[in-house]
């Protein structure tokens, strides 16, 4: 089964074989002129419309494992993994991945995983200009006022009431 990319590339070549210009192909398919010219040139050189293999280190987590991590970050409360607060720390995530999959990462990579999963970083403040005392007291009961830890929280868990 061909992907939409491969079908588009075949269409570019078919239109080129019908002696259409790259400008005409651009207008017909709604793509850029440089994209049409690139695939025409690539096809003439290699007779292939497939992507070349990419270089670089393969990921240490498979897509399925990454999905497990994403689900844990969004669904499971971190207290199940030894957490002391309402959110995740990078160290908690690193420990979770190590326990679950046996893979070690650095702190910076844990931050990248948090960003990929849509988890936001919050830093504790002593006081917010618009916060009510009731909300502040509820917040302090979950999160120490003078804590130096940064906590990662899923956007769905952030309450603005």
Foldseek 3Di string as FASTA:
>chain_A
DDDPQLVLLVVLVVVVVVVDQLVVNCVVVVHDSVVSVVSNVVCVVPVDSDDDDDDDDDDPADPVRLVVLLCCQAPPQLVVQVDQARFAALVSSQVVCCVPPVDGDDSVVSVVSLVVSQWDKDAAALDDPPDDPVVVVVRCVRPPRPDGTIGTHHPVPDDPD
